[in-house]
Amino acid sequence: AKLAQGALPSGRCRRAGRAEPTMPAVAHDSEPEMAMTPAGWTEWESKARPPLIYQPPQETGAVAMNCVYPCLRSYCCGVPACVRCCVLKPCCHQRIVSISQPDEWFAEMLSRTHPLCPDKYKGVFWMMDNVASEGVNTLQDGDWSSPRFMRKSAKYNWSVDAYNIWGSILSCNFWQRGGVHQFELGPGGKWMNIKVLLPGSHWIYELQPGDKLSRPDGSPMDFIPGHDFLRVSYVEQAPNSEVHYMYLLRRVAYLDAQGRVVKTKAYDELLEAARRCCAHGQLPFITDAQAVTFAKMPQQQRMGDAVGVLQPSSGGLTPAPPTDPIPA
């Protein structure tokens, strides 16, 4: 869970019967603490080369694939399901949703957009080949203090497999430790740094029209610029050091100018993967049943210098459809 395990201390899970959870109000009275210096960005953007030979290290180890992952993704005689239904659902206001029936809950995930979120980060994204029982998430609902800087908690709009061991562990970790991620977009607009507590160097790279992404055997991997991103973790905070985790962040849905949910071609691949449901160890791993908490914005919240229009019916900021149509 390279993208989701990083967590900063935060409040504990709410007890059943309490009010719906809200995103924490953050007042930006001072400049955010950047993870990268201007000199660091200059070096990274001039020297870093995205790993366009797509071979996720987390999928190559025989012990992990044949022993560790099957154990963590097991249903363990229904114990994780009991934990989910009896503890996590009432305590963390989680809903169980289905990849195969996404329209209603995709719309809920997309119903809140921060006005400073760049268009390219709007939508529901599938964490394809992230083996750690994480499913889909959104970035547009994060706390964007500028178009380059955002904080987001994995407690909200960040799905996990509903009924296996790993999914339950992730939910407990998010709610116990906060699940906070800090995202910082580089001046060049291609690389985004992710600050978490995990060691190493964590990034999102926006795949470009001229990039050629391929498997180790040379077979090409299709991607759509503006839809698909490369999530990569390096061993060291240095350009082109060893890659120790990678996967694709693929847009599977977004809102059109009329506020309607539009599913992309990547959703069809997500659906196929969910229907396989890890049969015979097939990748990418994801289950049809996902657990997710939909957060409602507080009625009064400062978000940098941005002013959001609050809608009482949704409890959140007015959705901001893309200014330019996103290709399906």
Protein backbone atom coordinates (compact mmCIF):
# COMPACT_ATOMS: atom_id res chain seq x y z
CA ALA A 1 0.00 0.00 0.00
CA LYS A 2 2.67 2.42 -1.04
CA LEU A 3 0.26 5.19 -1.77
CA ALA A 4 -2.05 4.59 1.14
CA GLN A 5 -0.04 3.35 4.07
CA GLY A 6 1.58 6.69 4.83
CA ALA A 7 -0.32 8.22 7.71
CA LEU A 8 -0.02 11.09 10.10
CA PRO A 9 -1.61 11.10 13.56
CA SER A 10 -5.24 12.12 13.48
CA GLY A 11 -8.52 11.57 15.26
CA ARG A 12 -9.81 8.11 16.02
CA CYS A 13 -12.74 6.44 14.38
CA ARG A 14 -16.12 7.84 15.39
CA ARG A 15 -18.49 5.70 17.39
CA ALA A 16 -21.72 4.42 15.94
CA GLY A 17 -24.63 6.78 16.28
CA ARG A 18 -22.54 9.92 15.93
CA ALA A 19 -22.96 12.46 13.16
CA GLU A 20 -21.69 11.76 9.66
CA PRO A 21 -17.90 12.24 9.36
CA THR A 22 -16.62 15.45 7.85
CA MET A 23 -13.37 16.35 6.21
CA PRO A 24 -11.13 18.17 8.70
CA ALA A 25 -11.22 21.93 8.37
CA VAL A 26 -7.75 23.27 7.61
CA ALA A 27 -7.00 26.96 7.78
CA HIS A 28 -3.99 27.96 5.71
CA ASP A 29 -2.70 30.96 7.64
CA SER A 30 0.87 30.20 6.56
CA GLU A 31 2.57 28.74 3.54
CA PRO A 32 2.32 24.92 3.34
CA GLU A 33 5.43 22.94 4.19
CA MET A 34 6.73 21.77 0.84
CA ALA A 35 8.49 18.42 0.59
CA MET A 36 10.60 19.60 -2.36
CA THR A 37 12.77 22.72 -2.56
CA PRO A 38 12.96 24.74 -5.82
CA ALA A 39 16.47 23.38 -6.36
CA GLY A 40 15.20 19.86 -5.70
CA TRP A 41 12.46 20.27 -8.28
CA THR A 42 14.94 21.62 -10.84
CA GLU A 43 17.17 18.59 -10.37
CA TRP A 44 14.31 16.09 -10.40
CA GLU A 45 12.57 17.46 -13.49
CA SER A 46 15.82 17.72 -15.44
CA LYS A 47 17.17 14.27 -14.56
CA ALA A 48 14.24 11.96 -13.69
CA ARG A 49 13.14 9.52 -16.37
CA PRO A 50 9.84 7.67 -15.87
CA PRO A 51 10.18 3.86 -15.83
CA LEU A 52 8.35 3.15 -19.09
CA ILE A 53 9.19 -0.57 -18.98
CA TYR A 54 6.17 -1.56 -16.95
CA GLN A 55 7.13 -4.37 -14.56
CA PRO A 56 5.70 -3.74 -11.07
CA PRO A 57 8.25 -5.17 -8.58
CA GLN A 58 5.48 -6.13 -6.16
CA GLU A 59 4.21 -8.65 -8.73
CA THR A 60 7.49 -10.44 -9.43
CA GLY A 61 8.31 -12.19 -6.15
CA ALA A 62 7.28 -15.84 -6.00
CA VAL A 63 6.92 -15.83 -2.20
CA ALA A 64 4.77 -12.71 -2.22
CA MET A 65 2.57 -13.85 -5.11
CA ASN A 66 2.10 -17.43 -3.93
CA CYS A 67 2.06 -17.03 -0.15
CA VAL A 68 1.95 -13.50 1.31
CA TYR A 69 -0.69 -11.98 -0.97
CA PRO A 70 -3.08 -14.96 -0.88
CA CYS A 71 -2.95 -14.92 2.93
CA LEU A 72 -3.56 -11.18 3.25
CA ARG A 73 -6.31 -11.25 0.62
CA SER A 74 -8.08 -14.26 2.12
CA TYR A 75 -11.55 -14.13 3.65
CA CYS A 76 -10.32 -16.05 6.71
CA CYS A 77 -13.55 -17.94 7.38
CA GLY A 78 -15.56 -14.72 7.38
CA VAL A 79 -13.68 -12.97 10.19
CA PRO A 80 -12.84 -9.83 8.14
CA ALA A 81 -16.47 -9.64 7.00
CA CYS A 82 -17.61 -9.68 10.64
CA VAL A 83 -15.10 -6.94 11.50
CA ARG A 84 -16.30 -4.88 8.54
CA CYS A 85 -20.01 -5.23 9.25
CA CYS A 86 -19.95 -5.12 13.06
CA VAL A 87 -17.20 -2.55 13.67
CA LEU A 88 -15.98 -0.62 10.64
CA LYS A 89 -19.31 0.06 8.95
CA PRO A 90 -21.07 1.58 11.98
CA CYS A 91 -17.96 3.14 13.49
CA CYS A 92 -16.54 4.73 10.33
CA HIS A 93 -19.82 5.21 8.44
CA GLN A 94 -18.62 2.98 5.63
CA ARG A 95 -20.76 1.75 2.78
CA ILE A 96 -20.31 -1.49 0.88
CA VAL A 97 -20.49 -0.80 -2.85
CA SER A 98 -19.94 -2.82 -6.02
CA ILE A 99 -17.57 -2.19 -8.90
CA SER A 100 -20.20 -3.83 -11.12
CA GLN A 101 -22.87 -1.30 -10.06
CA PRO A 102 -20.93 1.97 -9.89
CA ASP A 103 -23.22 4.76 -11.09
CA GLU A 104 -24.67 5.87 -7.75
CA TRP A 105 -21.51 5.71 -5.68
CA PHE A 106 -19.26 7.10 -8.42
CA ALA A 107 -21.63 10.08 -8.51
CA GLU A 108 -21.30 10.41 -4.74
CA MET A 109 -17.50 10.32 -4.93
CA LEU A 110 -17.56 12.99 -7.63
CA SER A 111 -20.10 15.25 -5.94
CA ARG A 112 -17.49 17.40 -4.18
CA THR A 113 -14.71 19.21 -5.99
CA HIS A 114 -12.28 21.73 -4.59
CA PRO A 115 -12.20 24.82 -6.83
CA LEU A 116 -8.38 24.81 -6.97
CA CYS A 117 -8.09 21.21 -8.19
CA PRO A 118 -6.59 21.07 -11.72
CA ASP A 119 -8.88 19.47 -14.29
CA LYS A 120 -6.51 16.58 -14.96
CA TYR A 121 -6.91 15.32 -11.38
CA LYS A 122 -10.72 15.31 -11.46
CA GLY A 123 -12.43 11.95 -11.65
CA VAL A 124 -12.47 8.50 -10.07
CA PHE A 125 -9.11 6.73 -10.42
CA TRP A 126 -8.42 2.99 -10.31
CA MET A 127 -5.18 1.95 -8.60
CA MET A 128 -4.48 -0.80 -11.13
CA ASP A 129 -1.81 -3.31 -10.04
CA ASN A 130 -1.72 -1.95 -6.50
CA VAL A 131 -1.77 -5.36 -4.83
CA ALA A 132 -2.62 -4.02 -1.36
CA SER A 133 -6.43 -4.37 -1.54
CA GLU A 134 -6.97 -0.73 -2.52
CA GLY A 135 -9.51 -0.03 -5.24
CA VAL A 136 -10.42 3.47 -6.43
CA ASN A 137 -9.99 6.99 -5.10
CA THR A 138 -10.47 10.66 -5.95
CA LEU A 139 -8.10 13.60 -5.69
CA GLN A 140 -10.51 16.42 -6.47
CA ASP A 141 -12.03 16.41 -2.98
CA GLY A 142 -8.67 16.96 -1.28
CA ASP A 143 -7.70 20.15 0.51
CA TRP A 144 -6.03 22.06 -2.34
CA SER A 145 -4.31 25.15 -0.93
CA SER A 146 -3.14 25.96 -4.49
CA PRO A 147 -3.28 24.24 -7.88
CA ARG A 148 0.07 22.64 -6.98
CA PHE A 149 -0.43 21.58 -3.36
CA MET A 150 -3.00 19.28 -1.74
CA ARG A 151 -3.56 17.23 1.39
CA LYS A 152 -5.98 14.32 1.50
CA SER A 153 -6.92 11.62 3.99
CA ALA A 154 -7.35 8.07 2.75
CA LYS A 155 -10.29 7.75 5.14
CA TYR A 156 -12.53 9.42 2.56
CA ASN A 157 -13.27 8.55 -1.08
CA TRP A 158 -10.63 5.83 -1.02
CA SER A 159 -12.02 2.32 -1.40
CA VAL A 160 -10.59 -0.97 -0.17
CA ASP A 161 -11.62 -4.58 -0.65
CA ALA A 162 -14.56 -5.04 1.66
CA TYR A 163 -14.23 -8.54 3.04
CA ASN A 164 -10.62 -9.69 3.05
CA ILE A 165 -7.92 -9.35 5.71
CA TRP A 166 -5.87 -6.69 3.95
CA GLY A 167 -8.85 -4.43 3.30
CA SER A 168 -9.84 -4.52 6.98
CA ILE A 169 -6.27 -3.77 8.07
CA LEU A 170 -6.13 -0.76 5.74
CA SER A 171 -9.41 0.67 7.04
CA CYS A 172 -8.22 0.31 10.63
CA ASN A 173 -4.93 1.98 9.73
CA PHE A 174 -6.61 4.89 7.93
CA TRP A 175 -8.97 5.64 10.79
CA GLN A 176 -6.50 5.01 13.60
CA ARG A 177 -3.60 6.99 12.15
CA GLY A 178 -5.31 9.49 9.84
CA GLY A 179 -4.24 8.26 6.41
CA VAL A 180 -2.96 11.73 5.44
CA HIS A 181 -1.10 12.18 2.15
CA GLN A 182 0.55 15.36 0.94
CA PHE A 183 0.69 15.92 -2.83
CA GLU A 184 2.90 18.53 -4.50
CA LEU A 185 2.87 19.11 -8.26
CA GLY A 186 6.15 20.15 -9.85
CA PRO A 187 6.61 23.38 -11.81
CA GLY A 188 6.79 21.42 -15.07
CA GLY A 189 3.39 19.84 -14.45
CA LYS A 190 4.44 16.23 -15.21
CA TRP A 191 5.64 14.97 -11.81
CA MET A 192 3.74 15.04 -8.52
CA ASN A 193 5.54 14.25 -5.27
CA ILE A 194 3.72 12.32 -2.53
CA LYS A 195 4.83 12.84 1.04
CA VAL A 196 4.06 9.97 3.43
CA LEU A 197 5.79 8.37 6.40
CA LEU A 198 7.12 5.48 4.35
CA PRO A 199 10.81 5.55 3.43
CA GLY A 200 11.79 6.15 -0.14
CA SER A 201 10.59 8.58 -2.77
CA HIS A 202 6.99 8.49 -3.99
CA TRP A 203 5.63 10.01 -7.20
CA ILE A 204 2.86 10.27 -9.75
CA TYR A 205 3.99 10.83 -13.35
CA GLU A 206 1.56 12.07 -15.99
CA LEU A 207 2.01 9.88 -19.05
CA GLN A 208 2.70 12.02 -22.11
CA PRO A 209 1.53 11.62 -25.74
CA GLY A 210 5.06 10.70 -26.89
CA ASP A 211 5.72 8.12 -24.15
CA LYS A 212 5.92 4.44 -25.09
CA LEU A 213 4.84 2.23 -22.20
CA SER A 214 5.60 -1.47 -22.65
CA ARG A 215 5.95 -4.77 -20.84
CA PRO A 216 9.43 -6.33 -20.41
CA ASP A 217 8.80 -8.53 -23.44
CA GLY A 218 8.31 -5.42 -25.58
CA SER A 219 4.54 -5.69 -25.93
CA PRO A 220 3.00 -2.21 -25.81
CA MET A 221 0.62 -1.07 -23.08
CA ASP A 222 -2.16 1.20 -24.19
CA PHE A 223 -2.80 4.35 -22.22
CA ILE A 224 -4.64 7.61 -22.77
CA PRO A 225 -2.74 10.82 -22.02
CA GLY A 226 -4.74 12.93 -19.61
CA HIS A 227 -6.47 9.83 -18.23
CA ASP A 228 -3.65 7.54 -17.12
CA PHE A 229 -0.82 8.25 -14.69
CA LEU A 230 2.15 6.20 -13.51
CA ARG A 231 2.44 5.80 -9.74
CA VAL A 232 6.06 4.93 -8.84
CA SER A 233 8.10 4.61 -5.64
CA TYR A 234 11.89 4.71 -5.67
CA VAL A 235 14.21 3.31 -3.02
CA GLU A 236 15.99 6.64 -2.60
CA GLN A 237 15.12 10.32 -2.91
CA ALA A 238 17.18 10.56 -6.07
CA PRO A 239 16.26 10.64 -9.77
CA ASN A 240 16.38 7.24 -11.45
CA SER A 241 17.16 5.19 -8.33
CA GLU A 242 15.81 1.65 -8.02
CA VAL A 243 12.04 1.26 -8.40
CA HIS A 244 10.48 -0.80 -5.63
CA TYR A 245 6.74 -0.27 -6.28
CA MET A 246 4.70 0.90 -9.25
CA TYR A 247 1.22 0.77 -10.69
CA LEU A 248 -1.10 2.69 -12.99
CA LEU A 249 -3.52 5.32 -11.76
CA ARG A 250 -6.29 5.21 -14.36
CA ARG A 251 -9.33 7.45 -14.64
CA VAL A 252 -12.43 5.26 -14.79
CA ALA A 253 -15.12 7.94 -14.42
CA TYR A 254 -15.64 11.70 -14.40
CA LEU A 255 -18.45 14.26 -14.58
CA ASP A 256 -19.29 15.86 -17.89
CA ALA A 257 -20.33 19.50 -18.29
CA GLN A 258 -23.91 18.56 -17.41
CA GLY A 259 -22.86 16.84 -14.18
CA ARG A 260 -23.47 13.32 -15.48
CA VAL A 261 -21.16 10.41 -14.67
CA VAL A 262 -19.18 9.27 -17.70
CA LYS A 263 -17.30 5.97 -17.49
CA THR A 264 -14.12 5.54 -19.55
CA LYS A 265 -12.72 2.53 -21.38
CA ALA A 266 -10.54 1.80 -18.36
CA TYR A 267 -13.71 1.09 -16.38
CA ASP A 268 -14.37 -1.93 -18.61
CA GLU A 269 -10.98 -3.34 -17.63
CA LEU A 270 -11.68 -2.59 -13.97
CA LEU A 271 -15.00 -4.42 -14.21
CA GLU A 272 -13.35 -7.44 -15.84
CA ALA A 273 -10.72 -7.55 -13.09
CA ALA A 274 -13.35 -7.31 -10.36
CA ARG A 275 -15.38 -10.12 -11.87
CA ARG A 276 -12.33 -12.39 -11.88
CA CYS A 277 -12.01 -11.57 -8.18
CA CYS A 278 -8.44 -12.82 -7.87
CA ALA A 279 -9.30 -16.20 -9.38
CA HIS A 280 -6.19 -18.36 -9.69
CA GLY A 281 -3.99 -15.43 -8.67
CA GLN A 282 -4.78 -13.40 -11.79
CA LEU A 283 -3.73 -9.77 -11.86
CA PRO A 284 -4.71 -7.05 -11.28
CA PHE A 285 -6.15 -7.85 -7.85
CA ILE A 286 -9.46 -6.25 -6.87
CA THR A 287 -12.77 -7.53 -5.53
CA ASP A 288 -16.20 -6.43 -6.70
CA ALA A 289 -17.25 -5.54 -3.15
CA GLN A 290 -15.54 -2.35 -1.97
CA ALA A 291 -15.79 -0.45 1.33
CA VAL A 292 -15.70 3.35 1.23
CA THR A 293 -16.59 6.34 3.41
CA PHE A 294 -18.14 9.33 1.68
CA ALA A 295 -17.23 12.48 3.57
CA LYS A 296 -19.36 15.59 3.76
CA MET A 297 -17.70 18.96 3.83
CA PRO A 298 -18.24 21.08 6.93
CA GLN A 299 -20.63 23.98 6.47
CA GLN A 300 -17.83 26.47 7.09
CA GLN A 301 -14.31 25.71 5.99
CA ARG A 302 -11.37 27.81 4.90
CA MET A 303 -9.47 26.39 1.96
CA GLY A 304 -6.67 28.81 1.27
CA ASP A 305 -8.03 31.81 -0.62
CA ALA A 306 -10.64 29.72 -2.42
CA VAL A 307 -14.34 30.28 -1.83
CA GLY A 308 -16.54 27.27 -2.39
CA VAL A 309 -20.29 27.39 -3.00
CA LEU A 310 -21.95 25.13 -0.46
CA GLN A 311 -24.98 23.12 -1.45
CA PRO A 312 -27.12 22.13 1.55
CA SER A 313 -28.52 19.12 -0.30
CA SER A 314 -25.10 17.54 -0.85
CA GLY A 315 -23.25 19.07 2.07
CA GLY A 316 -20.28 19.77 -0.15
CA LEU A 317 -18.72 22.17 -2.59
CA THR A 318 -20.40 22.74 -5.90
CA PRO A 319 -19.06 20.25 -8.47
CA ALA A 320 -16.74 21.91 -10.96
CA PRO A 321 -16.99 20.10 -14.32
CA PRO A 322 -13.90 20.15 -16.51
CA THR A 323 -13.47 23.28 -18.59
CA ASP A 324 -12.41 21.12 -21.53
CA PRO A 325 -14.06 17.78 -22.37
CA ILE A 326 -12.01 14.78 -21.25
CA PRO A 327 -11.70 12.17 -24.01
CA ALA A 328 -13.62 8.97 -23.27
